[in-house]
N, C-alpha and C. Protein backbone atom coordinates (compact mmCIF):
# COMPACT_ATOMS: atom_id res chain seq x y z
N LEU A 1 10.97 22.18 -3.85
CA LEU A 1 10.14 21.30 -4.64
C LEU A 1 9.82 21.95 -5.98
N GLU A 2 9.80 21.13 -7.01
CA GLU A 2 9.49 21.63 -8.34
C GLU A 2 7.99 21.88 -8.49
N PRO A 3 7.60 22.76 -9.42
CA PRO A 3 6.16 23.00 -9.64
C PRO A 3 5.44 21.73 -10.07
N LEU A 4 4.17 21.65 -9.73
CA LEU A 4 3.35 20.51 -10.14
C LEU A 4 3.15 20.53 -11.64
N GLN A 5 3.15 19.37 -12.25
CA GLN A 5 2.99 19.25 -13.69
C GLN A 5 1.89 18.25 -14.05
N GLY A 6 0.71 18.40 -13.50
CA GLY A 6 -0.41 17.53 -13.83
C GLY A 6 -0.12 16.07 -13.57
N HIS A 7 -0.51 15.21 -14.50
CA HIS A 7 -0.35 13.78 -14.30
C HIS A 7 1.09 13.31 -14.37
N SER A 8 2.02 14.17 -14.78
CA SER A 8 3.42 13.76 -14.76
C SER A 8 3.97 13.78 -13.34
N MET A 9 3.22 14.38 -12.41
CA MET A 9 3.62 14.38 -11.01
C MET A 9 3.56 12.94 -10.51
N HIS A 10 4.60 12.45 -9.89
CA HIS A 10 4.64 11.05 -9.47
C HIS A 10 4.63 10.94 -7.96
N ILE A 11 4.77 9.74 -7.47
CA ILE A 11 4.64 9.46 -6.04
C ILE A 11 5.55 10.32 -5.19
N ARG A 12 6.76 10.55 -5.62
CA ARG A 12 7.71 11.36 -4.84
C ARG A 12 7.21 12.79 -4.73
N GLY A 13 6.74 13.34 -5.82
CA GLY A 13 6.23 14.70 -5.80
C GLY A 13 4.98 14.84 -4.95
N THR A 14 4.08 13.89 -5.09
CA THR A 14 2.85 13.91 -4.30
C THR A 14 3.17 13.85 -2.82
N LEU A 15 3.99 12.90 -2.44
CA LEU A 15 4.37 12.75 -1.04
C LEU A 15 5.11 13.98 -0.54
N GLY A 16 6.03 14.50 -1.35
CA GLY A 16 6.80 15.68 -0.96
C GLY A 16 5.90 16.87 -0.64
N PHE A 17 4.94 17.14 -1.49
CA PHE A 17 4.03 18.25 -1.25
C PHE A 17 3.16 18.01 -0.03
N LEU A 18 2.64 16.79 0.12
CA LEU A 18 1.80 16.49 1.27
C LEU A 18 2.58 16.58 2.57
N MET A 19 3.83 16.14 2.58
CA MET A 19 4.66 16.18 3.78
C MET A 19 5.07 17.62 4.14
N CYS A 20 4.92 18.54 3.22
CA CYS A 20 5.18 19.96 3.48
C CYS A 20 3.91 20.67 3.93
N ASN A 21 2.94 19.89 4.38
CA ASN A 21 1.66 20.40 4.88
C ASN A 21 0.84 21.12 3.82
N ILE A 22 1.02 20.76 2.57
CA ILE A 22 0.16 21.26 1.51
C ILE A 22 -1.02 20.31 1.45
N SER A 23 -2.21 20.86 1.51
CA SER A 23 -3.41 20.03 1.63
C SER A 23 -3.63 19.15 0.40
N PHE A 24 -4.38 18.08 0.63
CA PHE A 24 -4.74 17.18 -0.46
C PHE A 24 -5.47 17.96 -1.56
N GLU A 25 -6.37 18.84 -1.16
CA GLU A 25 -7.13 19.62 -2.14
C GLU A 25 -6.22 20.50 -2.98
N THR A 26 -5.20 21.10 -2.36
CA THR A 26 -4.27 21.95 -3.10
C THR A 26 -3.43 21.12 -4.05
N VAL A 27 -2.91 19.98 -3.59
CA VAL A 27 -2.12 19.10 -4.46
C VAL A 27 -2.97 18.64 -5.64
N LYS A 28 -4.20 18.27 -5.36
CA LYS A 28 -5.12 17.83 -6.42
C LYS A 28 -5.38 18.96 -7.41
N SER A 29 -5.65 20.14 -6.90
CA SER A 29 -5.97 21.28 -7.75
C SER A 29 -4.76 21.73 -8.58
N LYS A 30 -3.64 21.91 -7.94
CA LYS A 30 -2.44 22.39 -8.65
C LYS A 30 -1.93 21.36 -9.65
N GLY A 31 -2.18 20.09 -9.37
CA GLY A 31 -1.77 19.03 -10.29
C GLY A 31 -2.78 18.77 -11.38
N HIS A 32 -3.88 19.54 -11.36
CA HIS A 32 -4.95 19.40 -12.35
C HIS A 32 -5.52 17.98 -12.38
N TRP A 33 -5.59 17.36 -11.18
CA TRP A 33 -6.16 16.03 -11.06
C TRP A 33 -7.67 16.12 -11.04
N LYS A 34 -8.33 15.20 -11.68
CA LYS A 34 -9.77 15.04 -11.50
C LYS A 34 -9.92 14.20 -10.24
N ILE A 35 -11.00 14.42 -9.50
CA ILE A 35 -11.17 13.76 -8.20
C ILE A 35 -11.02 12.25 -8.29
N ASP A 36 -11.60 11.61 -9.28
CA ASP A 36 -11.51 10.16 -9.40
C ASP A 36 -10.07 9.70 -9.66
N ALA A 37 -9.36 10.41 -10.50
CA ALA A 37 -7.97 10.05 -10.81
C ALA A 37 -7.09 10.22 -9.58
N PHE A 38 -7.31 11.28 -8.81
CA PHE A 38 -6.51 11.55 -7.62
C PHE A 38 -6.76 10.47 -6.57
N LYS A 39 -8.03 10.12 -6.35
CA LYS A 39 -8.35 9.06 -5.38
C LYS A 39 -7.75 7.73 -5.82
N LEU A 40 -7.87 7.42 -7.09
CA LEU A 40 -7.31 6.17 -7.62
C LEU A 40 -5.80 6.14 -7.41
N TYR A 41 -5.13 7.26 -7.68
CA TYR A 41 -3.69 7.36 -7.51
C TYR A 41 -3.31 7.14 -6.04
N LEU A 42 -4.02 7.80 -5.13
CA LEU A 42 -3.73 7.63 -3.70
C LEU A 42 -3.93 6.19 -3.26
N CYS A 43 -5.02 5.58 -3.70
CA CYS A 43 -5.30 4.18 -3.33
C CYS A 43 -4.24 3.24 -3.89
N LYS A 44 -3.81 3.50 -5.11
CA LYS A 44 -2.80 2.65 -5.75
C LYS A 44 -1.47 2.68 -4.99
N HIS A 45 -1.16 3.81 -4.37
CA HIS A 45 0.12 3.96 -3.69
C HIS A 45 -0.02 4.03 -2.17
N THR A 46 -1.10 3.46 -1.64
CA THR A 46 -1.37 3.51 -0.21
C THR A 46 -0.22 2.99 0.63
N GLN A 47 0.36 1.86 0.26
CA GLN A 47 1.42 1.26 1.07
C GLN A 47 2.63 2.18 1.19
N ILE A 48 2.95 2.89 0.14
CA ILE A 48 4.10 3.80 0.18
C ILE A 48 3.76 5.05 0.97
N LEU A 49 2.62 5.65 0.68
CA LEU A 49 2.25 6.92 1.30
C LEU A 49 1.95 6.77 2.79
N ALA A 50 1.21 5.74 3.18
CA ALA A 50 0.78 5.59 4.57
C ALA A 50 1.94 5.49 5.54
N ILE A 51 2.99 4.82 5.16
CA ILE A 51 4.16 4.66 6.04
C ILE A 51 4.70 6.02 6.46
N HIS A 52 4.81 6.93 5.52
CA HIS A 52 5.36 8.26 5.79
C HIS A 52 4.35 9.16 6.50
N MET A 53 3.09 9.01 6.18
CA MET A 53 2.06 9.88 6.73
C MET A 53 1.69 9.55 8.16
N GLN A 54 1.96 8.34 8.62
CA GLN A 54 1.62 7.96 9.99
C GLN A 54 2.34 8.83 11.01
N LYS A 55 3.45 9.42 10.62
CA LYS A 55 4.21 10.29 11.51
C LYS A 55 3.52 11.64 11.71
N HIS A 56 2.53 11.93 10.88
CA HIS A 56 1.80 13.20 10.91
C HIS A 56 0.31 12.89 11.03
N PRO A 57 -0.21 12.83 12.28
CA PRO A 57 -1.58 12.37 12.51
C PRO A 57 -2.66 13.09 11.69
N THR A 58 -2.58 14.39 11.55
CA THR A 58 -3.60 15.12 10.80
C THR A 58 -3.56 14.74 9.33
N LEU A 59 -2.37 14.66 8.77
CA LEU A 59 -2.21 14.28 7.37
C LEU A 59 -2.68 12.84 7.16
N HIS A 60 -2.33 11.95 8.09
CA HIS A 60 -2.74 10.55 7.98
C HIS A 60 -4.26 10.42 8.03
N LYS A 61 -4.90 11.18 8.91
CA LYS A 61 -6.37 11.13 9.02
C LYS A 61 -7.01 11.58 7.70
N GLU A 62 -6.51 12.66 7.12
CA GLU A 62 -7.04 13.14 5.84
C GLU A 62 -6.81 12.11 4.74
N PHE A 63 -5.64 11.47 4.76
CA PHE A 63 -5.31 10.43 3.78
C PHE A 63 -6.31 9.27 3.88
N VAL A 64 -6.61 8.85 5.10
CA VAL A 64 -7.56 7.76 5.31
C VAL A 64 -8.94 8.16 4.78
N CYS A 65 -9.33 9.40 5.01
CA CYS A 65 -10.63 9.87 4.49
C CYS A 65 -10.69 9.81 2.97
N TYR A 66 -9.59 10.12 2.31
CA TYR A 66 -9.55 10.07 0.85
C TYR A 66 -9.56 8.64 0.31
N THR A 67 -8.88 7.74 1.01
CA THR A 67 -8.67 6.41 0.45
C THR A 67 -9.70 5.37 0.89
N MET A 68 -10.40 5.62 1.97
CA MET A 68 -11.40 4.66 2.44
C MET A 68 -12.72 4.90 1.72
N PRO A 69 -13.41 3.84 1.36
CA PRO A 69 -14.71 4.02 0.70
C PRO A 69 -15.70 4.69 1.63
N SER A 70 -16.50 5.58 1.09
CA SER A 70 -17.52 6.24 1.92
C SER A 70 -18.73 5.31 2.06
N THR A 71 -19.42 5.44 3.18
CA THR A 71 -20.58 4.58 3.42
C THR A 71 -21.86 5.34 3.27
């Protein structure tokens, strides 16, 4: 995988890093994402990301925590 390049990182890169068991926090940090931008990005691409993440229960659970509104 290529190094993260901030906001130029796209859906393929995000998914690739997450599927390699790199945590959401690490992907966010290394990509220099602000928390709101990262959450917005994940929510915008939920349909693409969720399909792949369902195969990995821990990753999927963390994804749901990021994308679901907090109460």
